């Protein structure tokens, strides 16, 4: 029979692997996209959200992804307030259906629909340019951890706690019954 400590050790190892897998699954368009030029609403979670410039180009063509010099964009919160964008930069990477480059990050003060307005005169020379909103690897791990903590606050947490109590009490209950049967034979 597997001990309770072994089950807990396996659960902790599985939890760590689950969190680390999020680092490999950081999605650059997880929260949506807005065409350049264009205006659209994007539903964002509270916290850090990365802003990417993306095009539907062939990553194997050998053509580098260059962000337009005149790209301008604004992000407006659910209450109509402007959200500051911190400029960031990173190398372009393939997304499976094109290429993307990190260009900024916002800190959304609350969950909700944010209005994004984009503009660029050079966009007409590009292949389906858009801004996408997602999470990098570290933010994805943090988001996944928060999701697990939130799940454990509800009915799932009660079930997990009940299973842990059973795992700890079951061997002790069996031991007590065995001791009881020995006392009865004496």
Protein backbone atom coordinates (compact mmCIF):
# COMPACT_ATOMS: atom_id res chain seq x y z
CA UNK A 1 0.00 0.00 0.00
CA UNK A 2 1.25 3.49 -0.85
CA UNK A 3 1.88 5.76 2.13
CA UNK A 4 0.25 9.14 2.50
CA UNK A 5 3.64 10.87 2.31
CA UNK A 6 4.33 9.19 -1.05
CA UNK A 7 1.00 10.37 -2.43
CA UNK A 8 1.71 13.92 -1.22
CA UNK A 9 5.21 13.83 -2.75
CA UNK A 10 3.79 12.67 -6.09
CA UNK A 11 1.10 15.38 -5.93
CA UNK A 12 3.69 18.11 -5.24
CA UNK A 13 5.89 16.86 -8.10
CA UNK A 14 2.88 16.82 -10.46
CA UNK A 15 1.95 20.36 -9.35
CA UNK A 16 5.48 21.64 -10.10
CA UNK A 17 5.44 19.97 -13.54
CA UNK A 18 1.99 21.48 -14.20
CA UNK A 19 3.31 24.96 -13.35
CA UNK A 20 6.47 24.54 -15.44
CA UNK A 21 4.49 23.40 -18.47
CA UNK A 22 2.81 26.81 -18.44
CA UNK A 23 6.22 28.36 -19.15
CA UNK A 24 6.36 26.47 -22.44
CA UNK A 25 2.76 27.31 -23.29
CA UNK A 26 2.94 31.10 -22.92
CA UNK A 27 0.50 32.25 -25.59
CA UNK A 28 1.15 35.52 -27.39
CA UNK A 29 -2.51 35.85 -28.48
CA UNK A 30 -4.19 34.32 -25.43
CA UNK A 31 -6.43 37.32 -24.80
CA UNK A 32 -7.13 38.37 -28.39
CA UNK A 33 -5.88 40.63 -31.14
CA UNK A 34 -6.57 43.96 -32.85
CA UNK A 35 -5.84 44.67 -36.53
CA UNK A 36 -3.40 47.46 -37.41
CA UNK A 37 -4.87 49.96 -38.13
CA UNK A 38 -8.04 49.29 -36.17
CA UNK A 39 -10.02 49.54 -32.97
CA UNK A 40 -11.48 46.66 -30.97
CA UNK A 41 -12.26 45.47 -27.45
CA UNK A 42 -10.06 42.83 -25.85
CA UNK A 43 -10.97 41.02 -22.63
CA UNK A 44 -7.96 41.13 -20.32
CA UNK A 45 -7.36 39.69 -16.86
CA UNK A 46 -6.12 41.75 -13.94
CA UNK A 47 -2.32 41.91 -13.88
CA UNK A 48 0.53 41.95 -16.36
CA UNK A 49 -0.34 41.44 -20.03
CA UNK A 50 2.26 41.42 -22.80
CA UNK A 51 1.61 43.31 -26.05
CA UNK A 52 2.96 41.76 -29.27
CA UNK A 53 3.20 42.93 -32.87
CA UNK A 54 2.33 40.04 -35.21
CA UNK A 55 2.17 39.35 -38.93
CA UNK A 56 1.07 36.32 -40.93
CA UNK A 57 4.45 35.79 -42.59
CA UNK A 58 6.33 32.57 -43.26
CA UNK A 59 8.97 32.20 -40.53
CA UNK A 60 11.09 30.05 -42.88
CA UNK A 61 11.21 32.71 -45.61
CA UNK A 62 14.21 34.36 -43.99
CA UNK A 63 12.52 37.78 -43.88
CA UNK A 64 12.87 39.44 -40.46
CA UNK A 65 9.81 40.73 -38.66
CA UNK A 66 10.20 44.49 -38.32
CA UNK A 67 7.76 46.53 -36.26
CA UNK A 68 6.56 49.59 -38.23
CA UNK A 69 8.33 52.79 -37.16
CA UNK A 70 5.08 54.71 -37.00
CA UNK A 71 3.06 52.14 -35.03
CA UNK A 72 0.93 53.88 -32.42
CA UNK A 73 -1.53 52.27 -30.07
CA UNK A 74 -3.52 53.17 -26.99
CA UNK A 75 -5.24 50.99 -24.42
CA UNK A 76 -8.31 52.29 -22.60
CA UNK A 77 -9.64 50.57 -19.48
CA UNK A 78 -13.23 49.48 -18.77
CA UNK A 79 -13.91 52.79 -17.02
CA UNK A 80 -12.55 54.88 -19.91
CA UNK A 81 -9.19 55.65 -18.29
CA UNK A 82 -5.99 55.40 -20.31
CA UNK A 83 -3.73 52.49 -19.38
CA UNK A 84 0.03 53.19 -19.52
CA UNK A 85 2.06 50.91 -21.78
CA UNK A 86 5.64 50.06 -20.85
CA UNK A 87 7.80 49.64 -23.94
CA UNK A 88 9.63 46.35 -24.13
CA UNK A 89 11.48 44.54 -26.85
CA UNK A 90 12.43 41.00 -27.69
CA UNK A 91 13.48 38.90 -30.65
CA UNK A 92 10.81 37.80 -33.12
CA UNK A 93 9.54 34.25 -32.79
CA UNK A 94 7.39 31.89 -34.80
CA UNK A 95 3.80 31.33 -33.69
CA UNK A 96 2.83 28.56 -36.09
CA UNK A 97 0.75 30.87 -38.30
CA UNK A 98 3.21 33.74 -38.56
CA UNK A 99 5.69 35.67 -36.49
CA UNK A 100 5.40 37.87 -33.43
CA UNK A 101 7.57 40.27 -31.46
CA UNK A 102 7.11 41.56 -27.90
CA UNK A 103 6.71 45.35 -28.00
CA UNK A 104 5.18 46.31 -24.66
CA UNK A 105 3.47 45.38 -21.44
CA UNK A 106 0.48 46.76 -19.60
CA UNK A 107 -0.68 46.26 -16.04
CA UNK A 108 -4.44 45.84 -16.20
CA UNK A 109 -5.94 47.19 -12.95
CA UNK A 110 -8.98 44.88 -13.19
CA UNK A 111 -10.58 42.12 -15.26
CA UNK A 112 -12.65 43.50 -18.10
CA UNK A 113 -12.97 44.70 -21.68
CA UNK A 114 -10.22 47.08 -22.73
CA UNK A 115 -10.48 49.16 -25.91
CA UNK A 116 -7.38 49.10 -28.08
CA UNK A 117 -6.85 51.62 -30.88
CA UNK A 118 -3.99 51.08 -33.35
CA UNK A 119 -2.61 53.16 -36.20
CA UNK A 120 0.22 52.87 -38.73
CA UNK A 121 0.60 54.25 -42.25
CA UNK A 122 3.07 51.46 -43.05
CA UNK A 123 0.55 48.74 -42.17
CA UNK A 124 -0.77 48.59 -45.75
CA UNK A 125 2.60 47.23 -46.85
CA UNK A 126 2.45 44.36 -44.33
CA UNK A 127 0.75 40.95 -44.31
CA UNK A 128 -2.14 41.00 -41.82
CA UNK A 129 -0.48 43.14 -39.14
CA UNK A 130 -2.04 43.05 -35.70
CA UNK A 131 -1.39 43.61 -32.04
CA UNK A 132 -1.93 40.54 -29.90
CA UNK A 133 -2.29 40.30 -26.14
CA UNK A 134 -0.99 37.38 -24.15
CA UNK A 135 1.43 36.20 -21.54
CA UNK A 136 5.08 35.37 -21.55
CA UNK A 137 6.43 32.30 -19.77
CA UNK A 138 6.77 33.80 -16.29
CA UNK A 139 3.37 35.45 -16.32
CA UNK A 140 1.83 32.19 -17.57
CA UNK A 141 3.29 30.31 -14.59
CA UNK A 142 1.97 32.97 -12.19
CA UNK A 143 -1.47 32.88 -13.84
CA UNK A 144 -1.60 29.09 -13.61
CA UNK A 145 -0.58 29.19 -9.93
CA UNK A 146 -3.34 31.74 -9.24
CA UNK A 147 -5.84 29.50 -11.05
CA UNK A 148 -4.86 26.53 -8.87
CA UNK A 149 -5.13 28.59 -5.67
CA UNK A 150 -8.56 29.87 -6.75
CA UNK A 151 -9.71 26.30 -7.51
CA UNK A 152 -8.55 25.12 -4.08
CA UNK A 153 -10.61 27.83 -2.38
CA UNK A 154 -13.83 26.24 -3.62
CA UNK A 155 -15.31 22.72 -3.63
CA UNK A 156 -12.14 21.24 -5.13
CA UNK A 157 -10.20 22.35 -2.06
CA UNK A 158 -12.71 20.67 0.25
CA UNK A 159 -12.43 17.41 -1.73
CA UNK A 160 -8.60 17.56 -1.68
CA UNK A 161 -8.63 18.21 2.07
CA UNK A 162 -11.03 15.29 2.64
CA UNK A 163 -8.81 12.94 0.61
CA UNK A 164 -5.71 14.04 2.55
CA UNK A 165 -7.48 13.48 5.87
CA UNK A 166 -8.54 10.00 4.73
CA UNK A 167 -4.99 9.19 3.59
CA UNK A 168 -3.64 10.15 6.99
CA UNK A 169 -6.38 8.54 9.08
CA UNK A 170 -6.86 5.26 7.18
CA UNK A 171 -3.51 3.69 8.18
CA UNK A 172 -3.99 4.79 11.78
CA UNK A 173 -7.50 3.39 11.83
CA UNK A 174 -6.24 0.03 10.50
CA UNK A 175 -3.45 0.00 13.09
CA UNK A 176 -5.94 0.74 15.88
CA UNK A 177 -8.20 -2.11 14.70
CA UNK A 178 -5.24 -4.49 14.59
CA UNK A 179 -4.25 -3.52 18.13
CA UNK A 180 -7.86 -3.96 19.25
CA UNK A 181 -7.94 -7.49 17.81
CA UNK A 182 -4.71 -8.38 19.64
CA UNK A 183 -6.16 -7.17 22.94
CA UNK A 184 -9.24 -9.29 22.35
CA UNK A 185 -7.11 -12.46 21.93
CA UNK A 186 -5.11 -11.98 25.12
